[in-house]
C-alpha atoms as a PDB file:
ATOM      1  CA  MET A   1     -32.152  -8.494  -2.296  1.00  0.00           C
ATOM      2  CA  LYS A   2     -28.923 -10.813  -2.793  1.00  0.00           C
ATOM      3  CA  ASN A   3     -29.056 -13.018  -6.211  1.00  0.00           C
ATOM      4  CA  LYS A   4     -28.113 -16.254  -6.085  1.00  0.00           C
ATOM      5  CA  LYS A   5     -24.559 -16.194  -7.361  1.00  0.00           C
ATOM      6  CA  ASP A   6     -23.731 -13.518  -3.959  1.00  0.00           C
ATOM      7  CA  SER A   7     -25.459 -15.973  -1.205  1.00  0.00           C
ATOM      8  CA  ALA A   8     -23.415 -18.701  -2.900  1.00  0.00           C
ATOM      9  CA  ASN A   9     -19.444 -16.709  -2.322  1.00  0.00           C
ATOM     10  CA  THR A  10     -20.365 -15.148   0.897  1.00  0.00           C
ATOM     11  CA  GLU A  11     -21.546 -18.485   1.808  1.00  0.00           C
ATOM     12  CA  ARG A  12     -18.357 -20.180   0.183  1.00  0.00           C
ATOM     13  CA  GLN A  13     -16.380 -17.772   2.651  1.00  0.00           C
ATOM     14  CA  ARG A  14     -17.712 -18.611   5.460  1.00  0.00           C
ATOM     15  CA  LEU A  15     -17.027 -22.220   5.355  1.00  0.00           C
ATOM     16  CA  ARG A  16     -13.591 -21.170   4.203  1.00  0.00           C
ATOM     17  CA  GLU A  17     -13.743 -18.978   7.821  1.00  0.00           C
ATOM     18  CA  GLU A  18     -12.703 -22.366   9.647  1.00  0.00           C
ATOM     19  CA  ASP A  19      -9.775 -23.211   7.336  1.00  0.00           C
ATOM     20  CA  PHE A  20      -8.852 -19.370   8.319  1.00  0.00           C
ATOM     21  CA  ILE A  21      -9.048 -19.911  11.600  1.00  0.00           C
ATOM     22  CA  ARG A  22      -6.850 -23.364  11.658  1.00  0.00           C
ATOM     23  CA  LEU A  23      -4.344 -21.871   9.409  1.00  0.00           C
ATOM     24  CA  LEU A  24      -4.110 -18.684  12.159  1.00  0.00           C
ATOM     25  CA  LYS A  25      -3.867 -20.766  14.803  1.00  0.00           C
ATOM     26  CA  TYR A  26      -1.021 -22.552  13.222  1.00  0.00           C
ATOM     27  CA  LEU A  27       0.032 -19.518  11.969  1.00  0.00           C
ATOM     28  CA  LYS A  28      -0.021 -18.702  16.342  1.00  0.00           C
ATOM     29  CA  GLU A  29       1.693 -22.123  17.799  1.00  0.00           C
ATOM     30  CA  THR A  30       4.634 -21.719  14.811  1.00  0.00           C
ATOM     31  CA  SER A  31       5.545 -18.541  15.726  1.00  0.00           C
ATOM     32  CA  LYS A  32       6.798 -19.592  19.091  1.00  0.00           C
ATOM     33  CA  LEU A  33       9.381 -21.932  17.697  1.00  0.00           C
ATOM     34  CA  ILE A  34      10.521 -20.012  14.906  1.00  0.00           C
ATOM     35  CA  GLY A  35       9.477 -16.612  15.764  1.00  0.00           C
ATOM     36  CA  LYS A  36       6.761 -14.333  14.381  1.00  0.00           C
ATOM     37  CA  LYS A  37       8.585 -12.804  11.164  1.00  0.00           C
ATOM     38  CA  LYS A  38       9.793 -16.351   9.904  1.00  0.00           C
ATOM     39  CA  ALA A  39       6.384 -17.069  10.453  1.00  0.00           C
ATOM     40  CA  MET A  40       3.797 -15.251   8.721  1.00  0.00           C
ATOM     41  CA  GLY A  41       6.863 -14.192   5.390  1.00  0.00           C
ATOM     42  CA  ILE A  42       6.350 -18.628   4.863  1.00  0.00           C
ATOM     43  CA  LEU A  43       2.770 -17.853   5.207  1.00  0.00           C
ATOM     44  CA  GLU A  44       3.238 -14.910   2.604  1.00  0.00           C
ATOM     45  CA  LYS A  45       5.608 -16.714   0.521  1.00  0.00           C
ATOM     46  CA  LEU A  46       2.209 -19.691   0.226  1.00  0.00           C
ATOM     47  CA  VAL A  47      -0.396 -17.148  -0.389  1.00  0.00           C
ATOM     48  CA  ALA A  48       2.018 -15.688  -2.874  1.00  0.00           C
ATOM     49  CA  GLU A  49       2.094 -18.561  -4.540  1.00  0.00           C
ATOM     50  CA  LYS A  50      -1.452 -19.168  -4.757  1.00  0.00           C
ATOM     51  CA  ARG A  51      -2.067 -15.847  -6.334  1.00  0.00           C
ATOM     52  CA  LEU A  52       0.223 -16.801  -8.969  1.00  0.00           C
ATOM     53  CA  ASN A  53      -1.431 -20.234  -9.813  1.00  0.00           C
ATOM     54  CA  TRP A  54      -4.399 -18.590  -9.994  1.00  0.00           C
ATOM     55  CA  LEU A  55      -3.294 -16.184 -12.721  1.00  0.00           C
ATOM     56  CA  LYS A  56      -1.375 -19.203 -14.382  1.00  0.00           C
ATOM     57  CA  GLU A  57      -4.274 -21.000 -14.623  1.00  0.00           C
ATOM     58  CA  ASN A  58      -6.579 -18.084 -15.607  1.00  0.00           C
ATOM     59  CA  LYS A  59      -4.795 -16.638 -18.238  1.00  0.00           C
ATOM     60  CA  CYS A  60      -6.431 -17.913 -21.380  1.00  0.00           C
ATOM     61  CA  ARG A  61      -9.544 -16.135 -20.516  1.00  0.00           C
ATOM     62  CA  LEU A  62      -8.083 -12.702 -19.224  1.00  0.00           C
ATOM     63  CA  ASN A  63      -8.164 -10.247 -21.552  1.00  0.00           C
ATOM     64  CA  LEU A  64      -4.929  -9.182 -20.596  1.00  0.00           C
ATOM     65  CA  LYS A  65      -4.822  -6.420 -23.672  1.00  0.00           C
ATOM     66  CA  MET A  66      -6.881  -4.389 -21.470  1.00  0.00           C
ATOM     67  CA  LYS A  67      -3.961  -5.015 -18.876  1.00  0.00           C
ATOM     68  CA  ASN A  68      -3.957  -0.964 -18.598  1.00  0.00           C
ATOM     69  CA  SER A  69      -7.528  -0.482 -18.041  1.00  0.00           C
ATOM     70  CA  ILE A  70      -8.236   0.143 -14.338  1.00  0.00           C
ATOM     71  CA  SER A  71     -11.598  -0.959 -14.863  1.00  0.00           C
ATOM     72  CA  PHE A  72     -10.343  -4.275 -16.416  1.00  0.00           C
ATOM     73  CA  ILE A  73      -7.571  -4.770 -12.841  1.00  0.00           C
ATOM     74  CA  ASP A  74     -10.575  -3.721 -10.912  1.00  0.00           C
ATOM     75  CA  LYS A  75     -12.733  -6.728 -12.805  1.00  0.00           C
ATOM     76  CA  VAL A  76      -9.827  -9.375 -12.531  1.00  0.00           C
ATOM     77  CA  PHE A  77      -9.082  -8.259  -8.685  1.00  0.00           C
ATOM     78  CA  TYR A  78     -11.789  -7.746  -7.101  1.00  0.00           C
ATOM     79  CA  LYS A  79     -14.838  -9.886  -9.325  1.00  0.00           C
ATOM     80  CA  ARG A  80     -12.965 -13.126 -10.646  1.00  0.00           C
ATOM     81  CA  PHE A  81      -9.960 -13.360  -8.416  1.00  0.00           C
ATOM     82  CA  TYR A  82     -11.784 -12.088  -4.906  1.00  0.00           C
ATOM     83  CA  LYS A  83     -15.111 -12.839  -6.293  1.00  0.00           C
ATOM     84  CA  LEU A  84     -16.529 -10.269  -4.094  1.00  0.00           C
ATOM     85  CA  ALA A  85     -20.090  -8.117  -5.000  1.00  0.00           C
ATOM     86  CA  TYR A  86     -19.468  -4.614  -5.977  1.00  0.00           C
ATOM     87  CA  LYS A  87     -22.482  -4.002  -3.374  1.00  0.00           C
ATOM     88  CA  ASP A  88     -20.584  -4.588  -1.120  1.00  0.00           C
ATOM     89  CA  ARG A  89     -18.205  -1.673  -1.485  1.00  0.00           C
ATOM     90  CA  GLU A  90     -17.470   2.452  -1.969  1.00  0.00           C
ATOM     91  CA  VAL A  91     -15.829   3.929  -4.535  1.00  0.00           C
ATOM     92  CA  VAL A  92     -14.056   6.538  -2.594  1.00  0.00           C
ATOM     93  CA  LYS A  93     -12.184   7.661  -5.927  1.00  0.00           C
ATOM     94  CA  LYS A  94     -11.589   6.020  -9.516  1.00  0.00           C
ATOM     95  CA  ASN A  95      -9.881   7.336 -12.608  1.00  0.00           C
ATOM     96  CA  LYS A  96      -7.405   5.950 -15.380  1.00  0.00           C
ATOM     97  CA  TYR A  97      -4.546   5.932 -12.725  1.00  0.00           C
ATOM     98  CA  ILE A  98      -6.292   4.885  -9.450  1.00  0.00           C
ATOM     99  CA  LEU A  99      -9.267   2.664  -7.973  1.00  0.00           C
ATOM    100  CA  VAL A 100      -9.865   3.743  -4.492  1.00  0.00           C
ATOM    101  CA  THR A 101     -12.239   1.467  -2.354  1.00  0.00           C
ATOM    102  CA  ARG A 102     -13.545   0.615   1.131  1.00  0.00           C
ATOM    103  CA  TRP A 103     -14.884  -3.008   1.314  1.00  0.00           C
ATOM    104  CA  PHE A 104     -17.739  -3.682   3.605  1.00  0.00           C
ATOM    105  CA  ASN A 105     -18.137  -7.199   2.895  1.00  0.00           C
ATOM    106  CA  TYR A 106     -18.087 -10.618   4.151  1.00  0.00           C
ATOM    107  CA  CYS A 107     -14.014 -11.330   5.092  1.00  0.00           C
ATOM    108  CA  PRO A 108     -12.778 -14.306   6.616  1.00  0.00           C
ATOM    109  CA  VAL A 109      -9.784 -13.371   7.556  1.00  0.00           C
ATOM    110  CA  LEU A 110     -11.133 -10.142   9.614  1.00  0.00           C
ATOM    111  CA  GLU A 111     -13.191 -13.205  11.050  1.00  0.00           C
ATOM    112  CA  ALA A 112     -10.395 -15.490  11.880  1.00  0.00           C
ATOM    113  CA  CYS A 113      -8.233 -12.831  13.399  1.00  0.00           C
ATOM    114  CA  LYS A 114     -11.526 -11.627  15.854  1.00  0.00           C
ATOM    115  CA  ALA A 115     -12.159 -15.075  16.424  1.00  0.00           C
ATOM    116  CA  LEU A 116      -7.904 -15.737  17.682  1.00  0.00           C
ATOM    117  CA  ASP A 117      -7.766 -12.639  18.899  1.00  0.00           C
ATOM    118  CA  LEU A 118      -5.000 -11.278  16.053  1.00  0.00           C
ATOM    119  CA  ASP A 119      -4.541  -7.556  14.541  1.00  0.00           C
ATOM    120  CA  THR A 120      -5.536  -7.209  11.019  1.00  0.00           C
ATOM    121  CA  ARG A 121      -3.630  -4.880  10.688  1.00  0.00           C
ATOM    122  CA  GLU A 122      -0.480  -7.183  11.661  1.00  0.00           C
ATOM    123  CA  ILE A 123      -1.872  -9.867   9.492  1.00  0.00           C
ATOM    124  CA  CYS A 124      -3.055  -8.317   6.416  1.00  0.00           C
ATOM    125  CA  ARG A 125       0.121  -5.598   5.704  1.00  0.00           C
ATOM    126  CA  ASN A 126       2.850  -9.176   7.034  1.00  0.00           C
ATOM    127  CA  ILE A 127       1.025 -12.278   4.508  1.00  0.00           C
ATOM    128  CA  TYR A 128      -1.739 -10.501   2.161  1.00  0.00           C
ATOM    129  CA  HIS A 129      -0.295  -7.508   1.212  1.00  0.00           C
ATOM    130  CA  LYS A 130       2.647  -8.560  -0.581  1.00  0.00           C
ATOM    131  CA  PRO A 131       1.082 -10.779  -2.544  1.00  0.00           C
ATOM    132  CA  ASN A 132      -1.192  -8.942  -3.716  1.00  0.00           C
ATOM    133  CA  GLN A 133       1.085  -6.480  -5.118  1.00  0.00           C
ATOM    134  CA  ILE A 134       2.937  -9.792  -6.489  1.00  0.00           C
ATOM    135  CA  PHE A 135      -0.307 -10.678  -8.288  1.00  0.00           C
ATOM    136  CA  LEU A 136      -0.397  -6.992  -9.843  1.00  0.00           C
ATOM    137  CA  SER A 137       2.657  -6.681 -10.644  1.00  0.00           C
ATOM    138  CA  GLU A 138       1.725  -9.695 -12.496  1.00  0.00           C
ATOM    139  CA  ILE A 139      -0.867  -8.297 -15.007  1.00  0.00           C
ATOM    140  CA  ASN A 140       0.817  -5.022 -15.028  1.00  0.00           C
ATOM    141  CA  PRO A 141       4.353  -3.809 -13.256  1.00  0.00           C
ATOM    142  CA  LYS A 142       3.058  -0.660 -13.412  1.00  0.00           C
ATOM    143  CA  LEU A 143       0.056  -1.499 -10.933  1.00  0.00           C
ATOM    144  CA  LYS A 144       0.954  -0.462  -7.071  1.00  0.00           C
ATOM    145  CA  PHE A 145      -1.488  -1.824  -4.612  1.00  0.00           C
ATOM    146  CA  LYS A 146      -1.790  -0.227  -1.242  1.00  0.00           C
ATOM    147  CA  ARG A 147      -3.964  -0.895   1.676  1.00  0.00           C
ATOM    148  CA  ASN A 148      -4.722   2.568   4.587  1.00  0.00           C
ATOM    149  CA  TYR A 149      -3.955   0.281   7.763  1.00  0.00           C
ATOM    150  CA  ASN A 150      -5.432   3.720   9.350  1.00  0.00           C
ATOM    151  CA  LYS A 151      -8.656   2.407   7.568  1.00  0.00           C
ATOM    152  CA  ILE A 152      -8.785  -1.566   8.351  1.00  0.00           C
ATOM    153  CA  ARG A 153     -11.787  -3.609  10.003  1.00  0.00           C
ATOM    154  CA  PRO A 154     -12.225  -4.233  13.423  1.00  0.00           C
ATOM    155  CA  HIS A 155     -10.352  -0.519  13.868  1.00  0.00           C
ATOM    156  CA  ALA A 156     -12.709   1.025  11.204  1.00  0.00           C
ATOM    157  CA  ASN A 157     -15.914  -0.077   9.527  1.00  0.00           C
ATOM    158  CA  TYR A 158     -14.330  -0.767   6.331  1.00  0.00           C
ATOM    159  CA  CYS A 159     -10.764  -1.694   4.676  1.00  0.00           C
ATOM    160  CA  GLU A 160      -9.776   0.992   2.329  1.00  0.00           C
ATOM    161  CA  GLU A 161      -7.830  -0.183  -0.931  1.00  0.00           C
ATOM    162  CA  ILE A 162      -5.717   1.510  -3.461  1.00  0.00           C
ATOM    163  CA  ILE A 163      -4.772   0.391  -6.670  1.00  0.00           C
ATOM    164  CA  GLU A 164      -3.111   2.671  -8.865  1.00  0.00           C
ATOM    165  CA  PHE A 165      -0.819   3.204 -11.703  1.00  0.00           C
ATOM    166  CA  LYS A 166       2.576   3.924 -11.271  1.00  0.00           C
ATOM    167  CA  ARG A 167       3.387   7.441 -12.582  1.00  0.00           C
END
């Protein structure tokens, strides 16, 4: 049974789906005018700016003394920023250096890509990957974000992400 907080988060994400559809429609139209690479680059910068603003606004509530803990990074990135429920994931590997997760959660980007016949591998790689890296590097420059683009929905049953400390 879902708790109220999880239900509210899922509903919030579903409401955002229309925003993502409009955004990606705009991307498609803008790409015709300035090229796909340039259009995605502009959107990527805006996404990165949004993540950095969130960190700036929430820095005082984060215990950054824990920035060397993979569990802390997991909590800040997935729970606090993305507001994802841990019940929607499988932890493949977790130790003090690495976290490998498989996500099954509702994703408005995935739904928008399906609605507009866009490839999530391209959208997530070119718009959302680098902003995630920037977000994590702002917390700890030794963090590295990776996504397994061979294991991303709808091409797989889950989206696999890796956060690790560079050695």
